[in-house]
Amino acid sequence: MLRIALECEKRSSNKMKLLDEPLWTMYCNGKKTGYGVKREATAEDLQVMELLKPVSMGAGVLPGNAETEGVEGELAYMRAFFERVVGSKDSETFYMLSPEGNNGPELTIFFVRV
């Protein structure tokens, strides 16, 4: 089981929706691993999403652009169903559920404003 927590700072005049926050501190299974920044999708991002449109669930690797990224420029992807739970205006959780539904979530992503 993998748990990812993304935390951002609570500001006194914060009227922003939680998932619109621009900067996050990332923890993976309780260990601080880096930062995340919200950004707009690029043309390349949208092209990848078009490629994955027929995929309903699964994981794999897409070949990269050999001219710009080299031979090993591959892109790993994972597509799954997530259940969203809103705890409050300062916390939301996404649970990736197994199709069998018997082992609980395999991946949990927490968004928390602290």
PDB file of N, CA and C in Angstrom:
ATOM      1  N   MET A   1       0.843  -1.170   0.000  1.00  0.00           N
ATOM      2  CA  MET A   1       0.000   0.000   0.000  1.00  0.00           C
ATOM      3  C   MET A   1       0.893   1.240   0.000  1.00  0.00           C
ATOM      4  N   LEU A   2       0.534   2.198  -0.801  1.00  0.00           N
ATOM      5  CA  LEU A   2       1.294   3.432  -0.933  1.00  0.00           C
ATOM      6  C   LEU A   2       0.426   4.596  -0.488  1.00  0.00           C
ATOM      7  N   ARG A   3       0.995   5.444   0.382  1.00  0.00           N
ATOM      8  CA  ARG A   3       0.266   6.621   0.855  1.00  0.00           C
ATOM      9  C   ARG A   3       1.063   7.868   0.493  1.00  0.00           C
ATOM     10  N   ILE A   4       0.427   8.752  -0.249  1.00  0.00           N
ATOM     11  CA  ILE A   4       1.040  10.023  -0.627  1.00  0.00           C
ATOM     12  C   ILE A   4       0.232  11.133   0.046  1.00  0.00           C
ATOM     13  N   ALA A   5       0.941  12.005   0.765  1.00  0.00           N
ATOM     14  CA  ALA A   5       0.294  13.152   1.396  1.00  0.00           C
ATOM     15  C   ALA A   5       0.866  14.415   0.779  1.00  0.00           C
ATOM     16  N   LEU A   6      -0.004  15.279   0.332  1.00  0.00           N
ATOM     17  CA  LEU A   6       0.389  16.573  -0.204  1.00  0.00           C
ATOM     18  C   LEU A   6      -0.151  17.627   0.752  1.00  0.00           C
ATOM     19  N   GLU A   7       0.763  18.415   1.331  1.00  0.00           N
ATOM     20  CA  GLU A   7       0.382  19.424   2.310  1.00  0.00           C
ATOM     21  C   GLU A   7       0.700  20.813   1.790  1.00  0.00           C
ATOM     22  N   CYS A   8      -0.179  21.756   2.094  1.00  0.00           N
ATOM     23  CA  CYS A   8       0.072  23.163   1.781  1.00  0.00           C
ATOM     24  C   CYS A   8      -0.243  23.982   3.016  1.00  0.00           C
ATOM     25  N   GLU A   9       0.233  25.209   3.026  1.00  0.00           N
ATOM     26  CA  GLU A   9       0.025  26.086   4.178  1.00  0.00           C
ATOM     27  C   GLU A   9      -1.346  26.739   4.142  1.00  0.00           C
ATOM     28  N   LYS A  10      -1.946  26.844   5.313  1.00  0.00           N
ATOM     29  CA  LYS A  10      -3.222  27.533   5.452  1.00  0.00           C
ATOM     30  C   LYS A  10      -2.933  29.016   5.679  1.00  0.00           C
ATOM     31  N   ARG A  11      -3.570  29.856   4.891  1.00  0.00           N
ATOM     32  CA  ARG A  11      -3.426  31.308   5.050  1.00  0.00           C
ATOM     33  C   ARG A  11      -4.695  31.866   5.665  1.00  0.00           C
ATOM     34  N   SER A  12      -4.569  32.950   6.401  1.00  0.00           N
ATOM     35  CA  SER A  12      -5.728  33.495   7.110  1.00  0.00           C
ATOM     36  C   SER A  12      -6.837  33.952   6.170  1.00  0.00           C
ATOM     37  N   SER A  13      -6.496  34.459   5.009  1.00  0.00           N
ATOM     38  CA  SER A  13      -7.518  34.943   4.066  1.00  0.00           C
ATOM     39  C   SER A  13      -7.680  33.979   2.890  1.00  0.00           C
ATOM     40  N   ASN A  14      -7.674  32.689   3.172  1.00  0.00           N
ATOM     41  CA  ASN A  14      -7.689  31.697   2.100  1.00  0.00           C
ATOM     42  C   ASN A  14      -9.117  31.374   1.660  1.00  0.00           C
ATOM     43  N   LYS A  15      -9.487  31.838   0.486  1.00  0.00           N
ATOM     44  CA  LYS A  15     -10.792  31.533  -0.112  1.00  0.00           C
ATOM     45  C   LYS A  15     -10.628  30.553  -1.276  1.00  0.00           C
ATOM     46  N   MET A  16      -9.395  30.088  -1.500  1.00  0.00           N
ATOM     47  CA  MET A  16      -9.077  29.226  -2.628  1.00  0.00           C
ATOM     48  C   MET A  16      -9.547  27.785  -2.366  1.00  0.00           C
ATOM     49  N   LYS A  17     -10.030  27.128  -3.409  1.00  0.00           N
ATOM     50  CA  LYS A  17     -10.365  25.713  -3.294  1.00  0.00           C
ATOM     51  C   LYS A  17      -9.089  24.921  -3.033  1.00  0.00           C
ATOM     52  N   LEU A  18      -9.212  23.847  -2.293  1.00  0.00           N
ATOM     53  CA  LEU A  18      -8.044  23.075  -1.874  1.00  0.00           C
ATOM     54  C   LEU A  18      -7.193  22.621  -3.053  1.00  0.00           C
ATOM     55  N   LEU A  19      -7.807  22.053  -4.072  1.00  0.00           N
ATOM     56  CA  LEU A  19      -7.042  21.519  -5.195  1.00  0.00           C
ATOM     57  C   LEU A  19      -6.525  22.603  -6.138  1.00  0.00           C
ATOM     58  N   ASP A  20      -6.870  23.867  -5.881  1.00  0.00           N
ATOM     59  CA  ASP A  20      -6.331  24.982  -6.663  1.00  0.00           C
ATOM     60  C   ASP A  20      -5.072  25.578  -6.045  1.00  0.00           C
ATOM     61  N   GLU A  21      -4.661  25.069  -4.887  1.00  0.00           N
ATOM     62  CA  GLU A  21      -3.448  25.571  -4.229  1.00  0.00           C
ATOM     63  C   GLU A  21      -2.251  25.378  -5.160  1.00  0.00           C
ATOM     64  N   PRO A  22      -1.343  26.366  -5.236  1.00  0.00           N
ATOM     65  CA  PRO A  22      -0.247  26.288  -6.210  1.00  0.00           C
ATOM     66  C   PRO A  22       0.985  25.505  -5.765  1.00  0.00           C
ATOM     67  N   LEU A  23       1.248  25.357  -4.461  1.00  0.00           N
ATOM     68  CA  LEU A  23       2.492  24.744  -3.995  1.00  0.00           C
ATOM     69  C   LEU A  23       2.218  23.738  -2.886  1.00  0.00           C
ATOM     70  N   TRP A  24       2.822  22.549  -3.012  1.00  0.00           N
ATOM     71  CA  TRP A  24       2.591  21.444  -2.079  1.00  0.00           C
ATOM     72  C   TRP A  24       3.909  20.846  -1.616  1.00  0.00           C
ATOM     73  N   THR A  25       3.943  20.384  -0.367  1.00  0.00           N
ATOM     74  CA  THR A  25       5.041  19.572   0.143  1.00  0.00           C
ATOM     75  C   THR A  25       4.562  18.133   0.072  1.00  0.00           C
ATOM     76  N   MET A  26       5.402  17.229  -0.460  1.00  0.00           N
ATOM     77  CA  MET A  26       4.985  15.837  -0.673  1.00  0.00           C
ATOM     78  C   MET A  26       5.658  14.897   0.313  1.00  0.00           C
ATOM     79  N   TYR A  27       4.843  13.993   0.862  1.00  0.00           N
ATOM     80  CA  TYR A  27       5.313  12.928   1.733  1.00  0.00           C
ATOM     81  C   TYR A  27       4.877  11.601   1.127  1.00  0.00           C
ATOM     82  N   CYS A  28       5.762  10.629   1.124  1.00  0.00           N
ATOM     83  CA  CYS A  28       5.439   9.285   0.619  1.00  0.00           C
ATOM     84  C   CYS A  28       5.650   8.298   1.758  1.00  0.00           C
ATOM     85  N   ASN A  29       4.572   7.656   2.184  1.00  0.00           N
ATOM     86  CA  ASN A  29       4.591   6.742   3.326  1.00  0.00           C
ATOM     87  C   ASN A  29       5.257   7.380   4.538  1.00  0.00           C
ATOM     88  N   GLY A  30       4.937   8.648   4.783  1.00  0.00           N
ATOM     89  CA  GLY A  30       5.411   9.351   5.959  1.00  0.00           C
ATOM     90  C   GLY A  30       6.763  10.031   5.828  1.00  0.00           C
ATOM     91  N   LYS A  31       7.456   9.843   4.716  1.00  0.00           N
ATOM     92  CA  LYS A  31       8.788  10.420   4.530  1.00  0.00           C
ATOM     93  C   LYS A  31       8.705  11.581   3.535  1.00  0.00           C
ATOM     94  N   LYS A  32       9.270  12.735   3.930  1.00  0.00           N
ATOM     95  CA  LYS A  32       9.251  13.896   3.050  1.00  0.00           C
ATOM     96  C   LYS A  32      10.087  13.595   1.814  1.00  0.00           C
ATOM     97  N   THR A  33       9.470  13.763   0.635  1.00  0.00           N
ATOM     98  CA  THR A  33      10.157  13.393  -0.606  1.00  0.00           C
ATOM     99  C   THR A  33      10.316  14.527  -1.598  1.00  0.00           C
ATOM    100  N   GLY A  34       9.710  15.677  -1.363  1.00  0.00           N
ATOM    101  CA  GLY A  34       9.874  16.767  -2.315  1.00  0.00           C
ATOM    102  C   GLY A  34       8.701  17.716  -2.322  1.00  0.00           C
ATOM    103  N   TYR A  35       8.521  18.364  -3.464  1.00  0.00           N
ATOM    104  CA  TYR A  35       7.491  19.384  -3.614  1.00  0.00           C
ATOM    105  C   TYR A  35       6.698  19.153  -4.889  1.00  0.00           C
ATOM    106  N   GLY A  36       5.517  19.714  -4.914  1.00  0.00           N
ATOM    107  CA  GLY A  36       4.686  19.676  -6.103  1.00  0.00           C
ATOM    108  C   GLY A  36       4.190  21.069  -6.421  1.00  0.00           C
ATOM    109  N   VAL A  37       4.053  21.371  -7.693  1.00  0.00           N
ATOM    110  CA  VAL A  37       3.583  22.679  -8.140  1.00  0.00           C
ATOM    111  C   VAL A  37       2.449  22.466  -9.135  1.00  0.00           C
ATOM    112  N   LYS A  38       1.367  23.199  -8.946  1.00  0.00           N
ATOM    113  CA  LYS A  38       0.254  23.120  -9.893  1.00  0.00           C
ATOM    114  C   LYS A  38       0.651  23.844 -11.170  1.00  0.00           C
ATOM    115  N   ARG A  39       0.317  23.252 -12.316  1.00  0.00           N
ATOM    116  CA  ARG A  39       0.626  23.879 -13.596  1.00  0.00           C
ATOM    117  C   ARG A  39      -0.454  23.523 -14.603  1.00  0.00           C
ATOM    118  N   GLU A  40      -0.510  24.280 -15.658  1.00  0.00           N
ATOM    119  CA  GLU A  40      -1.449  24.011 -16.744  1.00  0.00           C
ATOM    120  C   GLU A  40      -0.896  22.874 -17.606  1.00  0.00           C
ATOM    121  N   ALA A  41      -1.772  22.119 -18.211  1.00  0.00           N
ATOM    122  CA  ALA A  41      -1.360  21.029 -19.095  1.00  0.00           C
ATOM    123  C   ALA A  41      -0.716  21.598 -20.356  1.00  0.00           C
ATOM    124  N   THR A  42       0.393  20.975 -20.757  1.00  0.00           N
ATOM    125  CA  THR A  42       1.065  21.379 -21.995  1.00  0.00           C
ATOM    126  C   THR A  42       0.453  20.632 -23.170  1.00  0.00           C
ATOM    127  N   ALA A  43       0.845  20.992 -24.370  1.00  0.00           N
ATOM    128  CA  ALA A  43       0.369  20.291 -25.565  1.00  0.00           C
ATOM    129  C   ALA A  43       0.794  18.829 -25.510  1.00  0.00           C
ATOM    130  N   GLU A  44       2.003  18.563 -25.006  1.00  0.00           N
ATOM    131  CA  GLU A  44       2.480  17.183 -24.889  1.00  0.00           C
ATOM    132  C   GLU A  44       1.643  16.402 -23.868  1.00  0.00           C
ATOM    133  N   ASP A  45       1.271  17.039 -22.754  1.00  0.00           N
ATOM    134  CA  ASP A  45       0.401  16.399 -21.762  1.00  0.00           C
ATOM    135  C   ASP A  45      -0.934  16.009 -22.384  1.00  0.00           C
ATOM    136  N   LEU A  46      -1.507  16.923 -23.146  1.00  0.00           N
ATOM    137  CA  LEU A  46      -2.807  16.664 -23.779  1.00  0.00           C
ATOM    138  C   LEU A  46      -2.706  15.557 -24.830  1.00  0.00           C
ATOM    139  N   GLN A  47      -1.574  15.483 -25.515  1.00  0.00           N
ATOM    140  CA  GLN A  47      -1.356  14.424 -26.496  1.00  0.00           C
ATOM    141  C   GLN A  47      -1.300  13.056 -25.809  1.00  0.00           C
ATOM    142  N   VAL A  48      -0.636  12.991 -24.667  1.00  0.00           N
ATOM    143  CA  VAL A  48      -0.575  11.733 -23.910  1.00  0.00           C
ATOM    144  C   VAL A  48      -1.966  11.327 -23.448  1.00  0.00           C
ATOM    145  N   MET A  49      -2.760  12.285 -22.975  1.00  0.00           N
ATOM    146  CA  MET A  49      -4.114  11.964 -22.531  1.00  0.00           C
ATOM    147  C   MET A  49      -4.976  11.450 -23.689  1.00  0.00           C
ATOM    148  N   GLU A  50      -4.771  11.989 -24.875  1.00  0.00           N
ATOM    149  CA  GLU A  50      -5.485  11.486 -26.054  1.00  0.00           C
ATOM    150  C   GLU A  50      -5.086  10.036 -26.346  1.00  0.00           C
ATOM    151  N   LEU A  51      -3.795   9.732 -26.207  1.00  0.00           N
ATOM    152  CA  LEU A  51      -3.330   8.357 -26.427  1.00  0.00           C
ATOM    153  C   LEU A  51      -3.961   7.392 -25.426  1.00  0.00           C
ATOM    154  N   LEU A  52      -4.159   7.862 -24.191  1.00  0.00           N
ATOM    155  CA  LEU A  52      -4.673   6.995 -23.126  1.00  0.00           C
ATOM    156  C   LEU A  52      -6.195   6.991 -23.029  1.00  0.00           C
ATOM    157  N   LYS A  53      -6.870   7.739 -23.882  1.00  0.00           N
ATOM    158  CA  LYS A  53      -8.331   7.817 -23.823  1.00  0.00           C
ATOM    159  C   LYS A  53      -9.009   6.442 -23.864  1.00  0.00           C
ATOM    160  N   PRO A  54      -8.566   5.503 -24.720  1.00  0.00           N
ATOM    161  CA  PRO A  54      -9.245   4.197 -24.743  1.00  0.00           C
ATOM    162  C   PRO A  54      -8.890   3.281 -23.571  1.00  0.00           C
ATOM    163  N   VAL A  55      -7.909   3.658 -22.752  1.00  0.00           N
ATOM    164  CA  VAL A  55      -7.491   2.816 -21.621  1.00  0.00           C
ATOM    165  C   VAL A  55      -8.368   3.144 -20.421  1.00  0.00           C
ATOM    166  N   SER A  56      -9.099   2.157 -19.902  1.00  0.00           N
ATOM    167  CA  SER A  56      -9.954   2.404 -18.739  1.00  0.00           C
ATOM    168  C   SER A  56      -9.229   2.112 -17.433  1.00  0.00           C
ATOM    169  N   MET A  57      -8.314   1.134 -17.446  1.00  0.00           N
ATOM    170  CA  MET A  57      -7.591   0.782 -16.237  1.00  0.00           C
ATOM    171  C   MET A  57      -6.340   0.018 -16.628  1.00  0.00           C
ATOM    172  N   GLY A  58      -5.246   0.328 -15.949  1.00  0.00           N
ATOM    173  CA  GLY A  58      -4.022  -0.413 -16.202  1.00  0.00           C
ATOM    174  C   GLY A  58      -2.788   0.443 -16.019  1.00  0.00           C
ATOM    175  N   ALA A  59      -1.646  -0.155 -16.256  1.00  0.00           N
ATOM    176  CA  ALA A  59      -0.361   0.540 -16.155  1.00  0.00           C
ATOM    177  C   ALA A  59       0.511   0.057 -17.294  1.00  0.00           C
ATOM    178  N   GLY A  60       1.456   0.901 -17.704  1.00  0.00           N
ATOM    179  CA  GLY A  60       2.328   0.519 -18.797  1.00  0.00           C
ATOM    180  C   GLY A  60       3.341   1.600 -19.099  1.00  0.00           C
ATOM    181  N   VAL A  61       3.939   1.496 -20.272  1.00  0.00           N
ATOM    182  CA  VAL A  61       4.968   2.432 -20.703  1.00  0.00           C
ATOM    183  C   VAL A  61       4.657   2.864 -22.130  1.00  0.00           C
ATOM    184  N   LEU A  62       4.724   4.169 -22.351  1.00  0.00           N
ATOM    185  CA  LEU A  62       4.582   4.708 -23.700  1.00  0.00           C
ATOM    186  C   LEU A  62       5.968   5.065 -24.221  1.00  0.00           C
ATOM    187  N   PRO A  63       6.234   4.798 -25.489  1.00  0.00           N
ATOM    188  CA  PRO A  63       7.548   5.183 -26.033  1.00  0.00           C
ATOM    189  C   PRO A  63       7.669   6.698 -26.074  1.00  0.00           C
ATOM    190  N   GLY A  64       8.875   7.180 -25.797  1.00  0.00           N
ATOM    191  CA  GLY A  64       9.118   8.619 -25.832  1.00  0.00           C
ATOM    192  C   GLY A  64       9.514   9.065 -27.219  1.00  0.00           C
ATOM    193  N   ASN A  65       9.807  10.323 -27.345  1.00  0.00           N
ATOM    194  CA  ASN A  65      10.263  10.896 -28.595  1.00  0.00           C
ATOM    195  C   ASN A  65      11.766  10.668 -28.691  1.00  0.00           C
ATOM    196  N   ALA A  66      12.199   9.742 -29.517  1.00  0.00           N
ATOM    197  CA  ALA A  66      13.606   9.359 -29.613  1.00  0.00           C
ATOM    198  C   ALA A  66      14.487  10.521 -30.078  1.00  0.00           C
ATOM    199  N   GLU A  67      13.938  11.451 -30.847  1.00  0.00           N
ATOM    200  CA  GLU A  67      14.743  12.576 -31.341  1.00  0.00           C
ATOM    201  C   GLU A  67      15.139  13.533 -30.219  1.00  0.00           C
ATOM    202  N   THR A  68      14.235  13.774 -29.279  1.00  0.00           N
ATOM    203  CA  THR A  68      14.521  14.744 -28.219  1.00  0.00           C
ATOM    204  C   THR A  68      14.883  14.100 -26.889  1.00  0.00           C
ATOM    205  N   GLU A  69      14.384  12.901 -26.615  1.00  0.00           N
ATOM    206  CA  GLU A  69      14.582  12.280 -25.304  1.00  0.00           C
ATOM    207  C   GLU A  69      15.563  11.118 -25.336  1.00  0.00           C
ATOM    208  N   GLY A  70      16.033  10.724 -26.494  1.00  0.00           N
ATOM    209  CA  GLY A  70      16.930   9.581 -26.584  1.00  0.00           C
ATOM    210  C   GLY A  70      16.155   8.282 -26.636  1.00  0.00           C
ATOM    211  N   VAL A  71      16.866   7.194 -26.730  1.00  0.00           N
ATOM    212  CA  VAL A  71      16.251   5.871 -26.882  1.00  0.00           C
ATOM    213  C   VAL A  71      15.445   5.480 -25.651  1.00  0.00           C
ATOM    214  N   GLU A  72      15.917   5.876 -24.467  1.00  0.00           N
ATOM    215  CA  GLU A  72      15.258   5.453 -23.234  1.00  0.00           C
ATOM    216  C   GLU A  72      14.253   6.483 -22.711  1.00  0.00           C
ATOM    217  N   GLY A  73      13.806   7.381 -23.532  1.00  0.00           N
ATOM    218  CA  GLY A  73      12.858   8.405 -23.107  1.00  0.00           C
ATOM    219  C   GLY A  73      11.445   7.885 -23.056  1.00  0.00           C
ATOM    220  N   GLU A  74      11.172   6.945 -22.167  1.00  0.00           N
ATOM    221  CA  GLU A  74       9.847   6.343 -22.058  1.00  0.00           C
ATOM    222  C   GLU A  74       9.024   7.063 -20.994  1.00  0.00           C
ATOM    223  N   LEU A  75       7.714   6.924 -21.092  1.00  0.00           N
ATOM    224  CA  LEU A  75       6.799   7.533 -20.142  1.00  0.00           C
ATOM    225  C   LEU A  75       5.951   6.438 -19.506  1.00  0.00           C
ATOM    226  N   ALA A  76       6.088   6.269 -18.194  1.00  0.00           N
ATOM    227  CA  ALA A  76       5.266   5.291 -17.476  1.00  0.00           C
ATOM    228  C   ALA A  76       3.923   5.941 -17.144  1.00  0.00           C
ATOM    229  N   TYR A  77       2.846   5.150 -17.197  1.00  0.00           N
ATOM    230  CA  TYR A  77       1.529   5.673 -16.863  1.00  0.00           C
ATOM    231  C   TYR A  77       0.774   4.674 -16.012  1.00  0.00           C
ATOM    232  N   MET A  78      -0.208   5.186 -15.284  1.00  0.00           N
ATOM    233  CA  MET A  78      -1.117   4.342 -14.502  1.00  0.00           C
ATOM    234  C   MET A  78      -2.496   4.980 -14.608  1.00  0.00           C
ATOM    235  N   ARG A  79      -3.473   4.200 -14.953  1.00  0.00           N
ATOM    236  CA  ARG A  79      -4.844   4.681 -15.092  1.00  0.00           C
ATOM    237  C   ARG A  79      -5.717   3.803 -14.208  1.00  0.00           C
ATOM    238  N   ALA A  80      -6.518   4.421 -13.340  1.00  0.00           N
ATOM    239  CA  ALA A  80      -7.323   3.644 -12.392  1.00  0.00           C
ATOM    240  C   ALA A  80      -8.545   4.449 -11.964  1.00  0.00           C
ATOM    241  N   PHE A  81      -9.419   3.789 -11.222  1.00  0.00           N
ATOM    242  CA  PHE A  81     -10.584   4.434 -10.647  1.00  0.00           C
ATOM    243  C   PHE A  81     -10.234   4.896  -9.232  1.00  0.00           C
ATOM    244  N   PHE A  82     -10.513   6.167  -8.939  1.00  0.00           N
ATOM    245  CA  PHE A  82     -10.268   6.718  -7.610  1.00  0.00           C
ATOM    246  C   PHE A  82     -11.589   7.143  -6.989  1.00  0.00           C
ATOM    247  N   GLU A  83     -11.755   6.792  -5.723  1.00  0.00           N
ATOM    248  CA  GLU A  83     -12.914   7.268  -4.970  1.00  0.00           C
ATOM    249  C   GLU A  83     -12.487   8.526  -4.223  1.00  0.00           C
ATOM    250  N   ARG A  84     -13.268   9.596  -4.353  1.00  0.00           N
ATOM    251  CA  ARG A  84     -12.951  10.880  -3.725  1.00  0.00           C
ATOM    252  C   ARG A  84     -13.771  11.047  -2.453  1.00  0.00           C
ATOM    253  N   VAL A  85     -13.086  11.421  -1.363  1.00  0.00           N
ATOM    254  CA  VAL A  85     -13.748  11.684  -0.092  1.00  0.00           C
ATOM    255  C   VAL A  85     -13.335  13.078   0.378  1.00  0.00           C
ATOM    256  N   VAL A  86     -14.321  13.949   0.571  1.00  0.00           N
ATOM    257  CA  VAL A  86     -14.054  15.303   1.057  1.00  0.00           C
ATOM    258  C   VAL A  86     -14.281  15.300   2.560  1.00  0.00           C
ATOM    259  N   GLY A  87     -13.196  15.576   3.311  1.00  0.00           N
ATOM    260  CA  GLY A  87     -13.297  15.618   4.766  1.00  0.00           C
ATOM    261  C   GLY A  87     -13.762  16.979   5.258  1.00  0.00           C
ATOM    262  N   SER A  88     -13.210  18.034   4.669  1.00  0.00           N
ATOM    263  CA  SER A  88     -13.569  19.413   5.001  1.00  0.00           C
ATOM    264  C   SER A  88     -13.047  20.303   3.879  1.00  0.00           C
ATOM    265  N   LYS A  89     -13.145  21.626   4.054  1.00  0.00           N
ATOM    266  CA  LYS A  89     -12.601  22.516   3.028  1.00  0.00           C
ATOM    267  C   LYS A  89     -11.084  22.461   2.993  1.00  0.00           C
ATOM    268  N   ASP A  90     -10.469  21.850   4.011  1.00  0.00           N
ATOM    269  CA  ASP A  90      -9.017  21.760   4.097  1.00  0.00           C
ATOM    270  C   ASP A  90      -8.489  20.336   3.949  1.00  0.00           C
ATOM    271  N   SER A  91      -9.318  19.379   3.569  1.00  0.00           N
ATOM    272  CA  SER A  91      -8.819  18.011   3.390  1.00  0.00           C
ATOM    273  C   SER A  91      -9.683  17.221   2.408  1.00  0.00           C
ATOM    274  N   GLU A  92      -9.000  16.570   1.477  1.00  0.00           N
ATOM    275  CA  GLU A  92      -9.640  15.661   0.528  1.00  0.00           C
ATOM    276  C   GLU A  92      -8.735  14.450   0.364  1.00  0.00           C
ATOM    277  N   THR A  93      -9.328  13.317   0.088  1.00  0.00           N
ATOM    278  CA  THR A  93      -8.566  12.091  -0.092  1.00  0.00           C
ATOM    279  C   THR A  93      -9.076  11.360  -1.327  1.00  0.00           C
ATOM    280  N   PHE A  94      -8.129  10.797  -2.083  1.00  0.00           N
ATOM    281  CA  PHE A  94      -8.458   9.966  -3.236  1.00  0.00           C
ATOM    282  C   PHE A  94      -7.928   8.568  -2.963  1.00  0.00           C
ATOM    283  N   TYR A  95      -8.815   7.573  -3.040  1.00  0.00           N
ATOM    284  CA  TYR A  95      -8.459   6.177  -2.819  1.00  0.00           C
ATOM    285  C   TYR A  95      -8.503   5.443  -4.152  1.00  0.00           C
ATOM    286  N   MET A  96      -7.381   4.823  -4.550  1.00  0.00           N
ATOM    287  CA  MET A  96      -7.374   4.000  -5.752  1.00  0.00           C
ATOM    288  C   MET A  96      -7.853   2.615  -5.343  1.00  0.00           C
ATOM    289  N   LEU A  97      -8.966   2.203  -5.906  1.00  0.00           N
ATOM    290  CA  LEU A  97      -9.575   0.944  -5.510  1.00  0.00           C
ATOM    291  C   LEU A  97      -9.241  -0.161  -6.495  1.00  0.00           C
ATOM    292  N   SER A  98      -8.980  -1.316  -5.963  1.00  0.00           N
ATOM    293  CA  SER A  98      -8.718  -2.500  -6.771  1.00  0.00           C
ATOM    294  C   SER A  98     -10.021  -2.949  -7.426  1.00  0.00           C
ATOM    295  N   PRO A  99      -9.962  -3.463  -8.668  1.00  0.00           N
ATOM    296  CA  PRO A  99     -11.198  -3.937  -9.312  1.00  0.00           C
ATOM    297  C   PRO A  99     -11.865  -5.067  -8.529  1.00  0.00           C
ATOM    298  N   GLU A 100     -11.070  -5.877  -7.831  1.00  0.00           N
ATOM    299  CA  GLU A 100     -11.638  -6.960  -7.020  1.00  0.00           C
ATOM    300  C   GLU A 100     -12.327  -6.412  -5.775  1.00  0.00           C
ATOM    301  N   GLY A 101     -11.830  -5.268  -5.277  1.00  0.00           N
ATOM    302  CA  GLY A 101     -12.462  -4.600  -4.155  1.00  0.00           C
ATOM    303  C   GLY A 101     -12.313  -5.292  -2.818  1.00  0.00           C
ATOM    304  N   ASN A 102     -11.372  -6.229  -2.668  1.00  0.00           N
ATOM    305  CA  ASN A 102     -11.306  -6.975  -1.419  1.00  0.00           C
ATOM    306  C   ASN A 102     -10.112  -6.625  -0.539  1.00  0.00           C
ATOM    307  N   ASN A 103      -9.120  -5.906  -1.034  1.00  0.00           N
ATOM    308  CA  ASN A 103      -7.935  -5.633  -0.240  1.00  0.00           C
ATOM    309  C   ASN A 103      -7.860  -4.192   0.242  1.00  0.00           C
ATOM    310  N   GLY A 104      -8.843  -3.399   0.013  1.00  0.00           N
ATOM    311  CA  GLY A 104      -8.784  -1.989   0.365  1.00  0.00           C
ATOM    312  C   GLY A 104      -7.993  -1.224  -0.680  1.00  0.00           C
ATOM    313  N   PRO A 105      -7.738   0.060  -0.425  1.00  0.00           N
ATOM    314  CA  PRO A 105      -7.050   0.881  -1.422  1.00  0.00           C
ATOM    315  C   PRO A 105      -5.577   0.494  -1.562  1.00  0.00           C
ATOM    316  N   GLU A 106      -5.092   0.470  -2.808  1.00  0.00           N
ATOM    317  CA  GLU A 106      -3.683   0.180  -3.072  1.00  0.00           C
ATOM    318  C   GLU A 106      -2.859   1.458  -3.047  1.00  0.00           C
ATOM    319  N   LEU A 107      -3.496   2.581  -3.347  1.00  0.00           N
ATOM    320  CA  LEU A 107      -2.841   3.883  -3.353  1.00  0.00           C
ATOM    321  C   LEU A 107      -3.812   4.887  -2.750  1.00  0.00           C
ATOM    322  N   THR A 108      -3.313   5.694  -1.820  1.00  0.00           N
ATOM    323  CA  THR A 108      -4.122   6.736  -1.210  1.00  0.00           C
ATOM    324  C   THR A 108      -3.381   8.052  -1.353  1.00  0.00           C
ATOM    325  N   ILE A 109      -4.079   9.075  -1.831  1.00  0.00           N
ATOM    326  CA  ILE A 109      -3.487  10.403  -1.980  1.00  0.00           C
ATOM    327  C   ILE A 109      -4.287  11.373  -1.122  1.00  0.00           C
ATOM    328  N   PHE A 110      -3.608  11.971  -0.134  1.00  0.00           N
ATOM    329  CA  PHE A 110      -4.221  12.931   0.776  1.00  0.00           C
ATOM    330  C   PHE A 110      -3.823  14.345   0.374  1.00  0.00           C
ATOM    331  N   PHE A 111      -4.781  15.252   0.317  1.00  0.00           N
ATOM    332  CA  PHE A 111      -4.532  16.672   0.128  1.00  0.00           C
ATOM    333  C   PHE A 111      -4.950  17.365   1.419  1.00  0.00           C
ATOM    334  N   VAL A 112      -4.006  18.035   2.078  1.00  0.00           N
ATOM    335  CA  VAL A 112      -4.287  18.627   3.383  1.00  0.00           C
ATOM    336  C   VAL A 112      -3.729  20.045   3.443  1.00  0.00           C
ATOM    337  N   ARG A 113      -4.552  20.961   3.914  1.00  0.00           N
ATOM    338  CA  ARG A 113      -4.098  22.328   4.154  1.00  0.00           C
ATOM    339  C   ARG A 113      -3.885  22.448   5.662  1.00  0.00           C
ATOM    340  N   VAL A 114      -2.626  22.705   6.075  1.00  0.00           N
ATOM    341  CA  VAL A 114      -2.297  22.773   7.511  1.00  0.00           C
ATOM    342  C   VAL A 114      -1.784  24.141   7.903  1.00  0.00           C
TER     343      VAL A 114
END
